[in-house]
């Protein structure tokens, strides 16, 4: 199942919950996961990280591993 559909199914099931303790546990789990996912997101990149990302991006572009803005717009409409 596609990730977007799984998220929607999860939300539907979450909305059906009536047990306040279960909702609190899921809220805590979500908060922890968001902290893990975004830990360090506010730190600036080091010069080495910027150079590595730039080189990787240039290699991807040369290998034609990219999507045009038109392709992205079609995907998210």
C-alpha atoms as a PDB file:
ATOM      1  CA  UNK A   1       0.000   0.000   0.000  1.00  0.00           C
ATOM      2  CA  UNK A   2       1.238   3.450  -0.866  1.00  0.00           C
ATOM      3  CA  UNK A   3       2.454   5.565   2.052  1.00  0.00           C
ATOM      4  CA  UNK A   4      -0.184   8.265   1.517  1.00  0.00           C
ATOM      5  CA  UNK A   5      -2.971   5.678   1.667  1.00  0.00           C
ATOM      6  CA  UNK A   6      -1.487   4.143   4.812  1.00  0.00           C
ATOM      7  CA  UNK A   7      -1.464   7.558   6.461  1.00  0.00           C
ATOM      8  CA  UNK A   8      -5.095   8.149   5.558  1.00  0.00           C
ATOM      9  CA  UNK A   9      -6.072   4.720   6.868  1.00  0.00           C
ATOM     10  CA  UNK A  10      -4.189   5.416  10.093  1.00  0.00           C
ATOM     11  CA  UNK A  11      -5.974   8.735  10.567  1.00  0.00           C
ATOM     12  CA  UNK A  12      -9.356   7.116   9.968  1.00  0.00           C
ATOM     13  CA  UNK A  13      -8.592   4.432  12.548  1.00  0.00           C
ATOM     14  CA  UNK A  14      -7.254   7.040  14.961  1.00  0.00           C
ATOM     15  CA  UNK A  15     -10.479   9.024  14.690  1.00  0.00           C
ATOM     16  CA  UNK A  16     -12.429   5.922  15.694  1.00  0.00           C
ATOM     17  CA  UNK A  17     -10.516   5.573  18.971  1.00  0.00           C
ATOM     18  CA  UNK A  18     -12.462   6.297  22.145  1.00  0.00           C
ATOM     19  CA  UNK A  19      -9.854   5.204  24.685  1.00  0.00           C
ATOM     20  CA  UNK A  20      -8.145   8.352  25.959  1.00  0.00           C
ATOM     21  CA  UNK A  21      -5.127   6.390  27.181  1.00  0.00           C
ATOM     22  CA  UNK A  22      -4.552   4.911  23.718  1.00  0.00           C
ATOM     23  CA  UNK A  23      -4.777   8.377  22.173  1.00  0.00           C
ATOM     24  CA  UNK A  24      -2.243   9.709  24.694  1.00  0.00           C
ATOM     25  CA  UNK A  25       0.144   6.857  23.908  1.00  0.00           C
ATOM     26  CA  UNK A  26      -0.108   7.528  20.179  1.00  0.00           C
ATOM     27  CA  UNK A  27       0.434  11.249  20.768  1.00  0.00           C
ATOM     28  CA  UNK A  28       3.574  10.485  22.783  1.00  0.00           C
ATOM     29  CA  UNK A  29       4.831   8.120  20.083  1.00  0.00           C
ATOM     30  CA  UNK A  30       4.248  10.751  17.403  1.00  0.00           C
ATOM     31  CA  UNK A  31       6.081  13.420  19.418  1.00  0.00           C
ATOM     32  CA  UNK A  32       9.062  11.115  19.936  1.00  0.00           C
ATOM     33  CA  UNK A  33       9.173  10.202  16.250  1.00  0.00           C
ATOM     34  CA  UNK A  34       9.014  13.847  15.194  1.00  0.00           C
ATOM     35  CA  UNK A  35      11.868  14.664  17.557  1.00  0.00           C
ATOM     36  CA  UNK A  36      13.942  11.869  16.007  1.00  0.00           C
ATOM     37  CA  UNK A  37      13.077  12.873  12.432  1.00  0.00           C
ATOM     38  CA  UNK A  38      13.812  16.554  12.921  1.00  0.00           C
ATOM     39  CA  UNK A  39      16.679  16.385  15.402  1.00  0.00           C
ATOM     40  CA  UNK A  40      19.371  18.671  14.100  1.00  0.00           C
ATOM     41  CA  UNK A  41      17.138  20.072  11.376  1.00  0.00           C
ATOM     42  CA  UNK A  42      17.857  23.574  12.611  1.00  0.00           C
ATOM     43  CA  UNK A  43      21.635  23.126  12.514  1.00  0.00           C
ATOM     44  CA  UNK A  44      23.410  24.642   9.523  1.00  0.00           C
ATOM     45  CA  UNK A  45      25.321  22.309   7.237  1.00  0.00           C
ATOM     46  CA  UNK A  46      29.072  22.171   7.585  1.00  0.00           C
ATOM     47  CA  UNK A  47      31.166  23.180   4.599  1.00  0.00           C
ATOM     48  CA  UNK A  48      31.992  19.497   3.984  1.00  0.00           C
ATOM     49  CA  UNK A  49      28.293  18.546   4.024  1.00  0.00           C
ATOM     50  CA  UNK A  50      27.435  21.325   1.581  1.00  0.00           C
ATOM     51  CA  UNK A  51      30.199  20.270  -0.792  1.00  0.00           C
ATOM     52  CA  UNK A  52      29.169  16.595  -0.590  1.00  0.00           C
ATOM     53  CA  UNK A  53      25.517  17.443  -1.260  1.00  0.00           C
ATOM     54  CA  UNK A  54      26.456  19.679  -4.172  1.00  0.00           C
ATOM     55  CA  UNK A  55      28.659  17.002  -5.728  1.00  0.00           C
ATOM     56  CA  UNK A  56      25.924  14.381  -5.279  1.00  0.00           C
ATOM     57  CA  UNK A  57      23.363  16.722  -6.864  1.00  0.00           C
ATOM     58  CA  UNK A  58      25.622  17.448  -9.806  1.00  0.00           C
ATOM     59  CA  UNK A  59      26.233  13.714 -10.317  1.00  0.00           C
ATOM     60  CA  UNK A  60      22.496  13.018 -10.182  1.00  0.00           C
ATOM     61  CA  UNK A  61      21.863  15.780 -12.714  1.00  0.00           C
ATOM     62  CA  UNK A  62      24.549  14.420 -15.043  1.00  0.00           C
ATOM     63  CA  UNK A  63      23.029  10.940 -14.736  1.00  0.00           C
ATOM     64  CA  UNK A  64      19.596  12.464 -15.506  1.00  0.00           C
ATOM     65  CA  UNK A  65      18.296  11.426 -12.061  1.00  0.00           C
ATOM     66  CA  UNK A  66      15.896  14.303 -11.561  1.00  0.00           C
ATOM     67  CA  UNK A  67      12.307  15.339 -12.200  1.00  0.00           C
ATOM     68  CA  UNK A  68      11.239  18.429 -14.032  1.00  0.00           C
ATOM     69  CA  UNK A  69       8.973  20.927 -12.318  1.00  0.00           C
ATOM     70  CA  UNK A  70       6.199  19.839 -14.693  1.00  0.00           C
ATOM     71  CA  UNK A  71       6.579  16.219 -13.536  1.00  0.00           C
ATOM     72  CA  UNK A  72       6.442  17.289  -9.905  1.00  0.00           C
ATOM     73  CA  UNK A  73       3.356  19.434 -10.502  1.00  0.00           C
ATOM     74  CA  UNK A  74       1.564  16.480 -12.132  1.00  0.00           C
ATOM     75  CA  UNK A  75       2.460  14.248  -9.193  1.00  0.00           C
ATOM     76  CA  UNK A  76       1.068  16.598  -6.559  1.00  0.00           C
ATOM     77  CA  UNK A  77      -2.069  17.882  -8.312  1.00  0.00           C
END
